[in-house]
Amino acid sequence: MNSGKNKMIIASCPLRISLLGGSTDLEDFISKYSYGQVVSFPINLYTYVSINKRYDEKFLIQYSKTESVKKISDIKNDLVRIVLEHFNVNTHITVALNADIPSHGSGLASSSSFIISMIKATSIFKNLELSDYEICELALELERKFNPLVGRQDPLGCGLKGFKHLYFKTNQKLKITPFSNLYFKKFDLYLIPISNNGRKSTSILKSLDLKKRKIICDKVEHGIKALNENSFTNFNNLVLDSWEQKKKTSPLIITPNIIELENKIKNLKIPLYYKLCGAGGGGYLLLISEKSNNISKFGLLKENSYIKINIDNKGIKTWKLA
């Protein structure tokens, strides 16, 4: 990039939610059963990375902390350092990371979303053209250098548009099957934060029972059938059922705060479906409600205590500011 052009590059990537099949995209599961699968979609909440050239021979990295260093190797933020090293960036720059919601430990694949935004912004800075799929593949490769237990679905769920079935096969290319967006016209979706946000997922992922996850994987087949037949109530029941099965895969998934929130939901006299996003222990609970229900009148969701979300249709985006 010429120094006189595009003084700032901004890239954004959605966060993601998987409704069925979570944890079957991990390498231990795929190695055991030769495949894994999820039903996933990106949401209208985003991470952002901005890059602009500096003239003081330093790299300035801004996130929840601020770093000012002379060499890329001295950057403590793993995500930023690894991407800049991969692209052999030799120009001093400012890198700023932001997100629509507190992202650490969210269960929404925020680290994968951030690394996609980082790759996209850096590739443009270096005048390189990468497809969204190439960015997602590279994101998985680079993230595993500092987060080896990241699942295959995380970058693909964030970086590839649409409501979709992702099918992972050992030593074979990803298979993607899209679904209609009609589901999102029938239901409202909410994210409810669970206290203890910022939990580490590594210990939970290491504790997951391999055989019990096979039941979760099998339910994806039934979910695909339900979606193709527009049997959305059946599909939502499978989401709830899979969440109950997931609880059995590790004793670390459930906390008293999660149990308390579940009990409040169960006591309401309306059909509601829910699951925890991510590995467990904290993050966000996804709540699914028919659009005919006015959730606020039941007192479960207080103002500013939840986020109403929808499917993202933008994908990975960039802006160049002169």
C-alpha atoms as a PDB file:
ATOM      1  CA  MET A   1       0.000   0.000   0.000  1.00  0.00           C
ATOM      2  CA  ASN A   2       1.362   3.408  -0.907  1.00  0.00           C
ATOM      3  CA  SER A   3       1.853   5.693   2.085  1.00  0.00           C
ATOM      4  CA  GLY A   4      -0.300   8.393   0.556  1.00  0.00           C
ATOM      5  CA  LYS A   5      -3.358   6.229   0.177  1.00  0.00           C
ATOM      6  CA  ASN A   6      -5.912   4.769   2.588  1.00  0.00           C
ATOM      7  CA  LYS A   7      -4.606   6.179   5.865  1.00  0.00           C
ATOM      8  CA  MET A   8      -6.811   3.764   7.786  1.00  0.00           C
ATOM      9  CA  ILE A   9      -8.199   0.327   6.948  1.00  0.00           C
ATOM     10  CA  ILE A  10     -11.079  -1.072   9.019  1.00  0.00           C
ATOM     11  CA  ALA A  11     -12.302  -4.659   8.815  1.00  0.00           C
ATOM     12  CA  SER A  12     -15.232  -6.282  10.608  1.00  0.00           C
ATOM     13  CA  CYS A  13     -16.455  -9.841  11.064  1.00  0.00           C
ATOM     14  CA  PRO A  14     -19.639 -11.188  12.718  1.00  0.00           C
ATOM     15  CA  LEU A  15     -19.721 -13.308  15.828  1.00  0.00           C
ATOM     16  CA  ARG A  16     -21.440 -16.681  15.457  1.00  0.00           C
ATOM     17  CA  ILE A  17     -23.904 -19.040  17.103  1.00  0.00           C
ATOM     18  CA  SER A  18     -24.160 -22.783  16.605  1.00  0.00           C
ATOM     19  CA  LEU A  19     -27.592 -24.252  17.285  1.00  0.00           C
ATOM     20  CA  LEU A  20     -26.747 -27.932  16.910  1.00  0.00           C
ATOM     21  CA  GLY A  21     -23.598 -30.039  16.915  1.00  0.00           C
ATOM     22  CA  GLY A  22     -21.309 -27.876  19.040  1.00  0.00           C
ATOM     23  CA  SER A  23     -18.135 -29.691  20.231  1.00  0.00           C
ATOM     24  CA  THR A  24     -18.361 -32.276  17.408  1.00  0.00           C
ATOM     25  CA  ASP A  25     -16.133 -29.976  15.333  1.00  0.00           C
ATOM     26  CA  LEU A  26     -13.209 -30.497  17.726  1.00  0.00           C
ATOM     27  CA  GLU A  27     -10.294 -32.535  16.408  1.00  0.00           C
ATOM     28  CA  ASP A  28     -10.546 -35.289  19.009  1.00  0.00           C
ATOM     29  CA  PHE A  29     -14.130 -36.002  17.951  1.00  0.00           C
ATOM     30  CA  ILE A  30     -13.395 -35.882  14.217  1.00  0.00           C
ATOM     31  CA  SER A  31     -10.374 -38.152  14.703  1.00  0.00           C
ATOM     32  CA  LYS A  32     -12.512 -40.687  16.583  1.00  0.00           C
ATOM     33  CA  TYR A  33     -15.607 -40.720  14.343  1.00  0.00           C
ATOM     34  CA  SER A  34     -14.067 -39.404  11.073  1.00  0.00           C
ATOM     35  CA  TYR A  35     -16.592 -36.554  10.867  1.00  0.00           C
ATOM     36  CA  GLY A  36     -18.336 -33.775  12.784  1.00  0.00           C
ATOM     37  CA  GLN A  37     -21.156 -31.366  11.963  1.00  0.00           C
ATOM     38  CA  VAL A  38     -22.912 -28.223  13.178  1.00  0.00           C
ATOM     39  CA  VAL A  39     -25.847 -25.986  12.269  1.00  0.00           C
ATOM     40  CA  SER A  40     -24.545 -22.445  12.552  1.00  0.00           C
ATOM     41  CA  PHE A  41     -25.083 -18.813  11.583  1.00  0.00           C
ATOM     42  CA  PRO A  42     -23.303 -15.461  11.984  1.00  0.00           C
ATOM     43  CA  ILE A  43     -25.084 -12.826  14.056  1.00  0.00           C
ATOM     44  CA  ASN A  44     -25.448  -9.053  13.774  1.00  0.00           C
ATOM     45  CA  LEU A  45     -22.781  -8.346  16.403  1.00  0.00           C
ATOM     46  CA  TYR A  46     -19.244  -7.707  15.212  1.00  0.00           C
ATOM     47  CA  THR A  47     -15.554  -7.402  15.950  1.00  0.00           C
ATOM     48  CA  TYR A  48     -13.544  -4.605  14.341  1.00  0.00           C
ATOM     49  CA  VAL A  49      -9.870  -4.161  13.567  1.00  0.00           C
ATOM     50  CA  SER A  50      -8.359  -0.931  12.264  1.00  0.00           C
ATOM     51  CA  ILE A  51      -4.842  -0.494  10.875  1.00  0.00           C
ATOM     52  CA  ASN A  52      -3.061   2.727  10.004  1.00  0.00           C
ATOM     53  CA  LYS A  53       0.566   3.603   9.270  1.00  0.00           C
ATOM     54  CA  ARG A  54       2.714   5.298  11.929  1.00  0.00           C
ATOM     55  CA  TYR A  55       5.745   7.525  11.612  1.00  0.00           C
ATOM     56  CA  ASP A  56       7.480   7.047  14.969  1.00  0.00           C
ATOM     57  CA  GLU A  57       9.050   3.623  14.362  1.00  0.00           C
ATOM     58  CA  LYS A  58       6.748   1.871  16.816  1.00  0.00           C
ATOM     59  CA  PHE A  59       3.890  -0.615  16.740  1.00  0.00           C
ATOM     60  CA  LEU A  60       0.956   0.641  18.806  1.00  0.00           C
ATOM     61  CA  ILE A  61      -1.557  -2.094  19.722  1.00  0.00           C
ATOM     62  CA  GLN A  62      -4.807  -1.005  21.362  1.00  0.00           C
ATOM     63  CA  TYR A  63      -7.333  -3.429  22.895  1.00  0.00           C
ATOM     64  CA  SER A  64      -8.271  -3.796  26.575  1.00  0.00           C
ATOM     65  CA  LYS A  65      -4.607  -2.917  27.097  1.00  0.00           C
ATOM     66  CA  THR A  66      -2.224  -0.688  25.160  1.00  0.00           C
ATOM     67  CA  GLU A  67       1.142  -1.850  23.898  1.00  0.00           C
ATOM     68  CA  SER A  68       3.834   0.268  22.310  1.00  0.00           C
ATOM     69  CA  VAL A  69       6.818  -1.720  21.005  1.00  0.00           C
ATOM     70  CA  LYS A  70       9.528  -1.442  18.368  1.00  0.00           C
ATOM     71  CA  LYS A  71       9.417  -5.042  17.151  1.00  0.00           C
ATOM     72  CA  ILE A  72       6.504  -7.346  16.258  1.00  0.00           C
ATOM     73  CA  SER A  73       8.102 -10.129  18.299  1.00  0.00           C
ATOM     74  CA  ASP A  74       7.644  -7.969  21.423  1.00  0.00           C
ATOM     75  CA  ILE A  75       3.850  -7.733  21.004  1.00  0.00           C
ATOM     76  CA  LYS A  76       2.163  -9.635  23.841  1.00  0.00           C
ATOM     77  CA  ASN A  77      -1.240  -9.935  22.166  1.00  0.00           C
ATOM     78  CA  ASP A  78      -0.921 -13.361  20.541  1.00  0.00           C
ATOM     79  CA  LEU A  79      -3.572 -12.755  17.913  1.00  0.00           C
ATOM     80  CA  VAL A  80      -2.056  -9.517  16.622  1.00  0.00           C
ATOM     81  CA  ARG A  81       1.542 -10.724  16.789  1.00  0.00           C
ATOM     82  CA  ILE A  82       0.909 -13.983  14.931  1.00  0.00           C
ATOM     83  CA  VAL A  83      -1.025 -12.329  12.101  1.00  0.00           C
ATOM     84  CA  LEU A  84       1.587  -9.579  11.610  1.00  0.00           C
ATOM     85  CA  GLU A  85       4.351 -12.188  11.625  1.00  0.00           C
ATOM     86  CA  HIS A  86       2.506 -14.331   9.092  1.00  0.00           C
ATOM     87  CA  PHE A  87       2.138 -11.415   6.672  1.00  0.00           C
ATOM     88  CA  ASN A  88       5.689 -10.184   7.353  1.00  0.00           C
ATOM     89  CA  VAL A  89       4.528  -6.658   8.082  1.00  0.00           C
ATOM     90  CA  ASN A  90       7.616  -4.438   8.153  1.00  0.00           C
ATOM     91  CA  THR A  91       5.860  -1.074   8.333  1.00  0.00           C
ATOM     92  CA  HIS A  92       5.181   0.429  11.751  1.00  0.00           C
ATOM     93  CA  ILE A  93       1.426   0.643  12.315  1.00  0.00           C
ATOM     94  CA  THR A  94      -1.312   1.177  14.850  1.00  0.00           C
ATOM     95  CA  VAL A  95      -3.665  -1.773  15.327  1.00  0.00           C
ATOM     96  CA  ALA A  96      -6.903  -1.213  17.272  1.00  0.00           C
ATOM     97  CA  LEU A  97      -9.315  -4.003  18.267  1.00  0.00           C
ATOM     98  CA  ASN A  98     -12.944  -3.308  19.224  1.00  0.00           C
ATOM     99  CA  ALA A  99     -16.188  -5.256  19.509  1.00  0.00           C
ATOM    100  CA  ASP A 100     -19.908  -4.602  19.905  1.00  0.00           C
ATOM    101  CA  ILE A 101     -20.051  -6.571  23.166  1.00  0.00           C
ATOM    102  CA  PRO A 102     -17.560  -7.736  25.802  1.00  0.00           C
ATOM    103  CA  SER A 103     -16.061 -10.580  23.855  1.00  0.00           C
ATOM    104  CA  HIS A 104     -13.701 -12.513  26.104  1.00  0.00           C
ATOM    105  CA  GLY A 105     -15.302 -15.798  27.146  1.00  0.00           C
ATOM    106  CA  SER A 106     -18.548 -15.006  25.329  1.00  0.00           C
ATOM    107  CA  GLY A 107     -19.017 -18.419  23.679  1.00  0.00           C
ATOM    108  CA  LEU A 108     -19.630 -16.596  20.391  1.00  0.00           C
ATOM    109  CA  ALA A 109     -16.232 -17.375  18.798  1.00  0.00           C
ATOM    110  CA  SER A 110     -14.963 -13.856  19.385  1.00  0.00           C
ATOM    111  CA  SER A 111     -11.286 -14.788  19.057  1.00  0.00           C
ATOM    112  CA  SER A 112     -11.997 -16.356  15.660  1.00  0.00           C
ATOM    113  CA  SER A 113     -13.982 -13.302  14.609  1.00  0.00           C
ATOM    114  CA  PHE A 114     -11.165 -11.005  15.727  1.00  0.00           C
ATOM    115  CA  ILE A 115      -8.489 -12.974  13.898  1.00  0.00           C
ATOM    116  CA  ILE A 116     -10.591 -12.908  10.711  1.00  0.00           C
ATOM    117  CA  SER A 117     -10.948  -9.130  11.017  1.00  0.00           C
ATOM    118  CA  MET A 118      -7.215  -8.891  11.656  1.00  0.00           C
ATOM    119  CA  ILE A 119      -6.343 -11.058   8.640  1.00  0.00           C
ATOM    120  CA  LYS A 120      -8.695  -9.120   6.378  1.00  0.00           C
ATOM    121  CA  ALA A 121      -7.335  -5.715   7.406  1.00  0.00           C
ATOM    122  CA  THR A 122      -3.712  -6.863   7.191  1.00  0.00           C
ATOM    123  CA  SER A 123      -4.144  -8.527   3.802  1.00  0.00           C
ATOM    124  CA  ILE A 124      -5.585  -5.311   2.377  1.00  0.00           C
ATOM    125  CA  PHE A 125      -2.737  -3.333   3.944  1.00  0.00           C
ATOM    126  CA  LYS A 126      -0.347  -5.687   2.110  1.00  0.00           C
ATOM    127  CA  ASN A 127      -2.313  -5.463  -1.164  1.00  0.00           C
ATOM    128  CA  LEU A 128      -3.220  -9.174  -1.077  1.00  0.00           C
ATOM    129  CA  GLU A 129      -6.509 -10.646  -2.281  1.00  0.00           C
ATOM    130  CA  LEU A 130      -7.943 -13.511  -0.220  1.00  0.00           C
ATOM    131  CA  SER A 131     -11.399 -15.056  -0.531  1.00  0.00           C
ATOM    132  CA  ASP A 132     -13.563 -15.312   2.575  1.00  0.00           C
ATOM    133  CA  TYR A 133     -13.006 -19.068   2.608  1.00  0.00           C
ATOM    134  CA  GLU A 134      -9.220 -18.644   2.365  1.00  0.00           C
ATOM    135  CA  ILE A 135      -9.364 -16.151   5.238  1.00  0.00           C
ATOM    136  CA  CYS A 136     -11.348 -18.614   7.380  1.00  0.00           C
ATOM    137  CA  GLU A 137      -8.899 -21.444   6.680  1.00  0.00           C
ATOM    138  CA  LEU A 138      -5.943 -19.221   7.525  1.00  0.00           C
ATOM    139  CA  ALA A 139      -7.718 -17.974  10.659  1.00  0.00           C
ATOM    140  CA  LEU A 140      -8.067 -21.540  11.954  1.00  0.00           C
ATOM    141  CA  GLU A 141      -4.410 -22.285  11.213  1.00  0.00           C
ATOM    142  CA  LEU A 142      -3.139 -19.152  12.936  1.00  0.00           C
ATOM    143  CA  GLU A 143      -5.505 -19.281  15.919  1.00  0.00           C
ATOM    144  CA  ARG A 144      -4.383 -22.803  16.717  1.00  0.00           C
ATOM    145  CA  LYS A 145      -0.881 -21.454  17.325  1.00  0.00           C
ATOM    146  CA  PHE A 146      -2.129 -19.827  20.547  1.00  0.00           C
ATOM    147  CA  ASN A 147      -5.478 -21.604  21.057  1.00  0.00           C
ATOM    148  CA  PRO A 148      -4.938 -25.242  19.984  1.00  0.00           C
ATOM    149  CA  LEU A 149      -8.399 -26.411  21.078  1.00  0.00           C
ATOM    150  CA  VAL A 150     -10.348 -24.050  18.805  1.00  0.00           C
ATOM    151  CA  GLY A 151     -12.976 -25.974  16.804  1.00  0.00           C
ATOM    152  CA  ARG A 152     -13.250 -26.016  13.034  1.00  0.00           C
ATOM    153  CA  GLN A 153     -16.651 -24.337  13.130  1.00  0.00           C
ATOM    154  CA  ASP A 154     -15.512 -21.142  14.832  1.00  0.00           C
ATOM    155  CA  PRO A 155     -13.884 -19.220  11.950  1.00  0.00           C
ATOM    156  CA  LEU A 156     -16.205 -20.781   9.366  1.00  0.00           C
ATOM    157  CA  GLY A 157     -19.313 -19.929  11.365  1.00  0.00           C
ATOM    158  CA  CYS A 158     -18.166 -16.313  11.718  1.00  0.00           C
ATOM    159  CA  GLY A 159     -16.653 -15.649   8.313  1.00  0.00           C
ATOM    160  CA  LEU A 160     -19.013 -17.456   5.931  1.00  0.00           C
ATOM    161  CA  LYS A 161     -22.422 -15.923   5.362  1.00  0.00           C
ATOM    162  CA  GLY A 162     -25.774 -17.524   5.987  1.00  0.00           C
ATOM    163  CA  PHE A 163     -27.708 -20.094   7.986  1.00  0.00           C
ATOM    164  CA  LYS A 164     -25.924 -23.323   7.184  1.00  0.00           C
ATOM    165  CA  HIS A 165     -24.932 -26.904   7.901  1.00  0.00           C
ATOM    166  CA  LEU A 166     -21.164 -27.372   8.162  1.00  0.00           C
ATOM    167  CA  TYR A 167     -19.966 -30.936   7.654  1.00  0.00           C
ATOM    168  CA  PHE A 168     -16.361 -31.741   8.581  1.00  0.00           C
ATOM    169  CA  LYS A 169     -14.744 -34.912   7.295  1.00  0.00           C
ATOM    170  CA  THR A 170     -11.255 -36.217   8.025  1.00  0.00           C
ATOM    171  CA  ASN A 171      -8.852 -35.149   5.261  1.00  0.00           C
ATOM    172  CA  GLN A 172     -11.682 -33.833   3.092  1.00  0.00           C
ATOM    173  CA  LYS A 173     -12.854 -30.376   2.132  1.00  0.00           C
ATOM    174  CA  LEU A 174     -15.617 -28.748   4.147  1.00  0.00           C
ATOM    175  CA  LYS A 175     -19.167 -29.350   2.890  1.00  0.00           C
ATOM    176  CA  ILE A 176     -21.563 -26.408   3.309  1.00  0.00           C
ATOM    177  CA  THR A 177     -25.342 -26.768   2.903  1.00  0.00           C
ATOM    178  CA  PRO A 178     -27.388 -23.540   3.193  1.00  0.00           C
ATOM    179  CA  PHE A 179     -30.836 -23.252   4.771  1.00  0.00           C
ATOM    180  CA  SER A 180     -33.647 -20.791   4.151  1.00  0.00           C
ATOM    181  CA  ASN A 181     -33.793 -17.733   6.423  1.00  0.00           C
ATOM    182  CA  LEU A 182     -37.503 -18.356   7.048  1.00  0.00           C
ATOM    183  CA  TYR A 183     -36.625 -19.575  10.551  1.00  0.00           C
ATOM    184  CA  PHE A 184     -35.569 -16.053  11.534  1.00  0.00           C
ATOM    185  CA  LYS A 185     -38.902 -14.641  10.389  1.00  0.00           C
ATOM    186  CA  LYS A 186     -40.758 -16.932  12.784  1.00  0.00           C
ATOM    187  CA  PHE A 187     -38.706 -16.503  15.956  1.00  0.00           C
ATOM    188  CA  ASP A 188     -37.047 -13.834  18.059  1.00  0.00           C
ATOM    189  CA  LEU A 189     -33.589 -14.561  19.419  1.00  0.00           C
ATOM    190  CA  TYR A 190     -32.034 -13.053  22.529  1.00  0.00           C
ATOM    191  CA  LEU A 191     -28.651 -13.280  24.229  1.00  0.00           C
ATOM    192  CA  ILE A 192     -28.741 -13.183  28.022  1.00  0.00           C
ATOM    193  CA  PRO A 193     -25.353 -12.636  29.708  1.00  0.00           C
ATOM    194  CA  ILE A 194     -24.374 -15.123  32.377  1.00  0.00           C
ATOM    195  CA  SER A 195     -22.285 -13.739  35.228  1.00  0.00           C
ATOM    196  CA  ASN A 196     -18.788 -15.203  35.338  1.00  0.00           C
ATOM    197  CA  ASN A 197     -18.266 -13.854  31.832  1.00  0.00           C
ATOM    198  CA  GLY A 198     -14.632 -14.180  30.882  1.00  0.00           C
ATOM    199  CA  ARG A 199     -14.348 -17.860  31.859  1.00  0.00           C
ATOM    200  CA  LYS A 200     -11.562 -19.929  30.345  1.00  0.00           C
ATOM    201  CA  SER A 201     -12.936 -22.555  27.963  1.00  0.00           C
ATOM    202  CA  THR A 202      -9.744 -24.644  27.774  1.00  0.00           C
ATOM    203  CA  SER A 203     -10.355 -26.680  30.926  1.00  0.00           C
ATOM    204  CA  ILE A 204     -13.957 -27.381  29.885  1.00  0.00           C
ATOM    205  CA  LEU A 205     -12.974 -28.498  26.386  1.00  0.00           C
ATOM    206  CA  LYS A 206     -10.344 -30.840  27.827  1.00  0.00           C
ATOM    207  CA  SER A 207     -12.953 -32.425  30.121  1.00  0.00           C
ATOM    208  CA  LEU A 208     -15.579 -33.255  27.451  1.00  0.00           C
ATOM    209  CA  ASP A 209     -16.695 -36.888  27.260  1.00  0.00           C
ATOM    210  CA  LEU A 210     -16.068 -38.182  23.744  1.00  0.00           C
ATOM    211  CA  LYS A 211     -18.779 -40.853  23.566  1.00  0.00           C
ATOM    212  CA  LYS A 212     -21.509 -38.638  25.016  1.00  0.00           C
ATOM    213  CA  ARG A 213     -20.853 -36.086  22.281  1.00  0.00           C
ATOM    214  CA  LYS A 214     -21.830 -38.644  19.635  1.00  0.00           C
ATOM    215  CA  ILE A 215     -25.481 -38.205  20.691  1.00  0.00           C
ATOM    216  CA  ILE A 216     -25.157 -34.469  20.008  1.00  0.00           C
ATOM    217  CA  CYS A 217     -23.771 -35.180  16.553  1.00  0.00           C
ATOM    218  CA  ASP A 218     -26.591 -37.606  15.720  1.00  0.00           C
ATOM    219  CA  LYS A 219     -29.217 -34.987  16.561  1.00  0.00           C
ATOM    220  CA  VAL A 220     -27.897 -32.736  13.785  1.00  0.00           C
ATOM    221  CA  GLU A 221     -29.318 -35.137  11.177  1.00  0.00           C
ATOM    222  CA  HIS A 222     -32.793 -34.767  12.677  1.00  0.00           C
ATOM    223  CA  GLY A 223     -32.342 -30.998  12.837  1.00  0.00           C
ATOM    224  CA  ILE A 224     -31.499 -30.820   9.126  1.00  0.00           C
ATOM    225  CA  LYS A 225     -34.643 -32.793   8.296  1.00  0.00           C
ATOM    226  CA  ALA A 226     -36.774 -30.498  10.474  1.00  0.00           C
ATOM    227  CA  LEU A 227     -35.371 -27.337   8.860  1.00  0.00           C
ATOM    228  CA  ASN A 228     -35.864 -28.674   5.343  1.00  0.00           C
ATOM    229  CA  GLU A 229     -39.495 -29.453   6.215  1.00  0.00           C
ATOM    230  CA  ASN A 230     -39.987 -26.063   7.954  1.00  0.00           C
ATOM    231  CA  SER A 231     -40.801 -27.991  11.137  1.00  0.00           C
ATOM    232  CA  PHE A 232     -39.351 -25.252  13.284  1.00  0.00           C
ATOM    233  CA  THR A 233     -40.936 -26.323  16.581  1.00  0.00           C
ATOM    234  CA  ASN A 234     -39.364 -29.746  16.147  1.00  0.00           C
ATOM    235  CA  PHE A 235     -36.057 -28.084  15.353  1.00  0.00           C
ATOM    236  CA  ASN A 236     -36.203 -25.897  18.473  1.00  0.00           C
ATOM    237  CA  ASN A 237     -36.997 -28.925  20.599  1.00  0.00           C
ATOM    238  CA  LEU A 238     -33.848 -30.538  19.206  1.00  0.00           C
ATOM    239  CA  VAL A 239     -31.857 -27.444  20.163  1.00  0.00           C
ATOM    240  CA  LEU A 240     -33.170 -27.721  23.720  1.00  0.00           C
ATOM    241  CA  ASP A 241     -32.639 -31.484  23.753  1.00  0.00           C
ATOM    242  CA  SER A 242     -29.048 -31.104  22.539  1.00  0.00           C
ATOM    243  CA  TRP A 243     -28.373 -28.598  25.297  1.00  0.00           C
ATOM    244  CA  GLU A 244     -29.585 -31.148  27.864  1.00  0.00           C
ATOM    245  CA  GLN A 245     -27.240 -33.715  26.312  1.00  0.00           C
ATOM    246  CA  LYS A 246     -24.347 -31.273  26.321  1.00  0.00           C
ATOM    247  CA  LYS A 247     -24.666 -30.808  30.084  1.00  0.00           C
ATOM    248  CA  LYS A 248     -23.856 -34.496  30.451  1.00  0.00           C
ATOM    249  CA  THR A 249     -20.559 -34.224  28.575  1.00  0.00           C
ATOM    250  CA  SER A 250     -18.726 -32.384  31.384  1.00  0.00           C
ATOM    251  CA  PRO A 251     -19.414 -31.450  35.028  1.00  0.00           C
ATOM    252  CA  LEU A 252     -17.794 -28.059  34.371  1.00  0.00           C
ATOM    253  CA  ILE A 253     -20.472 -26.769  31.971  1.00  0.00           C
ATOM    254  CA  ILE A 254     -23.199 -25.883  34.471  1.00  0.00           C
ATOM    255  CA  THR A 255     -22.936 -23.203  37.161  1.00  0.00           C
ATOM    256  CA  PRO A 256     -25.461 -22.045  39.795  1.00  0.00           C
ATOM    257  CA  ASN A 257     -26.113 -18.898  37.732  1.00  0.00           C
ATOM    258  CA  ILE A 258     -27.024 -20.962  34.684  1.00  0.00           C
ATOM    259  CA  ILE A 259     -29.311 -23.221  36.734  1.00  0.00           C
ATOM    260  CA  GLU A 260     -31.057 -20.200  38.259  1.00  0.00           C
ATOM    261  CA  LEU A 261     -31.741 -18.658  34.848  1.00  0.00           C
ATOM    262  CA  GLU A 262     -32.977 -21.976  33.440  1.00  0.00           C
ATOM    263  CA  ASN A 263     -35.426 -22.365  36.312  1.00  0.00           C
ATOM    264  CA  LYS A 264     -36.850 -18.891  35.647  1.00  0.00           C
ATOM    265  CA  ILE A 265     -37.389 -19.789  31.992  1.00  0.00           C
ATOM    266  CA  LYS A 266     -39.043 -23.111  32.839  1.00  0.00           C
ATOM    267  CA  ASN A 267     -41.495 -21.390  35.198  1.00  0.00           C
ATOM    268  CA  LEU A 268     -42.921 -19.212  32.420  1.00  0.00           C
ATOM    269  CA  LYS A 269     -46.128 -20.439  30.800  1.00  0.00           C
ATOM    270  CA  ILE A 270     -44.972 -19.907  27.226  1.00  0.00           C
ATOM    271  CA  PRO A 271     -42.943 -22.066  24.827  1.00  0.00           C
ATOM    272  CA  LEU A 272     -39.305 -20.997  25.078  1.00  0.00           C
ATOM    273  CA  TYR A 273     -36.189 -22.739  23.850  1.00  0.00           C
ATOM    274  CA  TYR A 274     -32.666 -22.093  25.008  1.00  0.00           C
ATOM    275  CA  LYS A 275     -29.066 -23.221  25.068  1.00  0.00           C
ATOM    276  CA  LEU A 276     -25.784 -21.944  26.368  1.00  0.00           C
ATOM    277  CA  CYS A 277     -23.430 -20.560  23.739  1.00  0.00           C
ATOM    278  CA  GLY A 278     -19.903 -21.913  23.648  1.00  0.00           C
ATOM    279  CA  ALA A 279     -18.071 -24.380  25.875  1.00  0.00           C
ATOM    280  CA  GLY A 280     -19.905 -23.643  29.126  1.00  0.00           C
ATOM    281  CA  GLY A 281     -19.361 -22.127  32.544  1.00  0.00           C
ATOM    282  CA  GLY A 282     -20.458 -18.642  31.501  1.00  0.00           C
ATOM    283  CA  GLY A 283     -20.870 -16.474  28.450  1.00  0.00           C
ATOM    284  CA  TYR A 284     -24.347 -16.007  26.986  1.00  0.00           C
ATOM    285  CA  LEU A 285     -27.533 -18.029  27.047  1.00  0.00           C
ATOM    286  CA  LEU A 286     -29.415 -18.016  23.754  1.00  0.00           C
ATOM    287  CA  LEU A 287     -33.190 -17.708  24.203  1.00  0.00           C
ATOM    288  CA  ILE A 288     -35.555 -18.500  21.305  1.00  0.00           C
ATOM    289  CA  SER A 289     -39.162 -17.308  21.368  1.00  0.00           C
ATOM    290  CA  GLU A 290     -42.024 -17.264  18.901  1.00  0.00           C
ATOM    291  CA  LYS A 291     -42.543 -13.746  17.561  1.00  0.00           C
ATOM    292  CA  SER A 292     -46.136 -13.791  18.860  1.00  0.00           C
ATOM    293  CA  ASN A 293     -44.810 -13.779  22.436  1.00  0.00           C
ATOM    294  CA  ASN A 294     -43.991 -10.500  24.141  1.00  0.00           C
ATOM    295  CA  ILE A 295     -41.107 -11.643  26.310  1.00  0.00           C
ATOM    296  CA  SER A 296     -40.775  -8.350  28.187  1.00  0.00           C
ATOM    297  CA  LYS A 297     -44.193  -8.651  29.807  1.00  0.00           C
ATOM    298  CA  PHE A 298     -43.164 -11.850  31.600  1.00  0.00           C
ATOM    299  CA  GLY A 299     -40.450 -10.091  33.562  1.00  0.00           C
ATOM    300  CA  LEU A 300     -37.715 -12.539  32.602  1.00  0.00           C
ATOM    301  CA  LEU A 301     -35.709 -10.078  30.543  1.00  0.00           C
ATOM    302  CA  LYS A 302     -35.248  -6.707  32.171  1.00  0.00           C
ATOM    303  CA  GLU A 303     -34.346  -3.717  30.047  1.00  0.00           C
ATOM    304  CA  ASN A 304     -30.633  -3.620  29.196  1.00  0.00           C
ATOM    305  CA  SER A 305     -30.168  -7.172  30.516  1.00  0.00           C
ATOM    306  CA  TYR A 306     -30.346  -8.849  27.125  1.00  0.00           C
ATOM    307  CA  ILE A 307     -29.456  -8.339  23.474  1.00  0.00           C
ATOM    308  CA  LYS A 308     -31.956  -9.047  20.717  1.00  0.00           C
ATOM    309  CA  ILE A 309     -30.074 -10.529  17.771  1.00  0.00           C
ATOM    310  CA  ASN A 310     -30.672 -11.654  14.222  1.00  0.00           C
ATOM    311  CA  ILE A 311     -28.771 -13.405  11.454  1.00  0.00           C
ATOM    312  CA  ASP A 312     -26.024 -11.387   9.778  1.00  0.00           C
ATOM    313  CA  ASN A 313     -26.131 -11.043   6.000  1.00  0.00           C
ATOM    314  CA  LYS A 314     -23.094  -8.768   5.609  1.00  0.00           C
ATOM    315  CA  GLY A 315     -20.203 -11.153   6.182  1.00  0.00           C
ATOM    316  CA  ILE A 316     -16.625  -9.873   6.359  1.00  0.00           C
ATOM    317  CA  LYS A 317     -16.572  -6.165   5.524  1.00  0.00           C
ATOM    318  CA  THR A 318     -13.894  -3.519   5.006  1.00  0.00           C
ATOM    319  CA  TRP A 319     -13.667   0.255   4.809  1.00  0.00           C
ATOM    320  CA  LYS A 320     -10.785   2.405   3.601  1.00  0.00           C
ATOM    321  CA  LEU A 321     -10.512   5.899   5.043  1.00  0.00           C
ATOM    322  CA  ALA A 322      -8.373   8.360   3.134  1.00  0.00           C
END
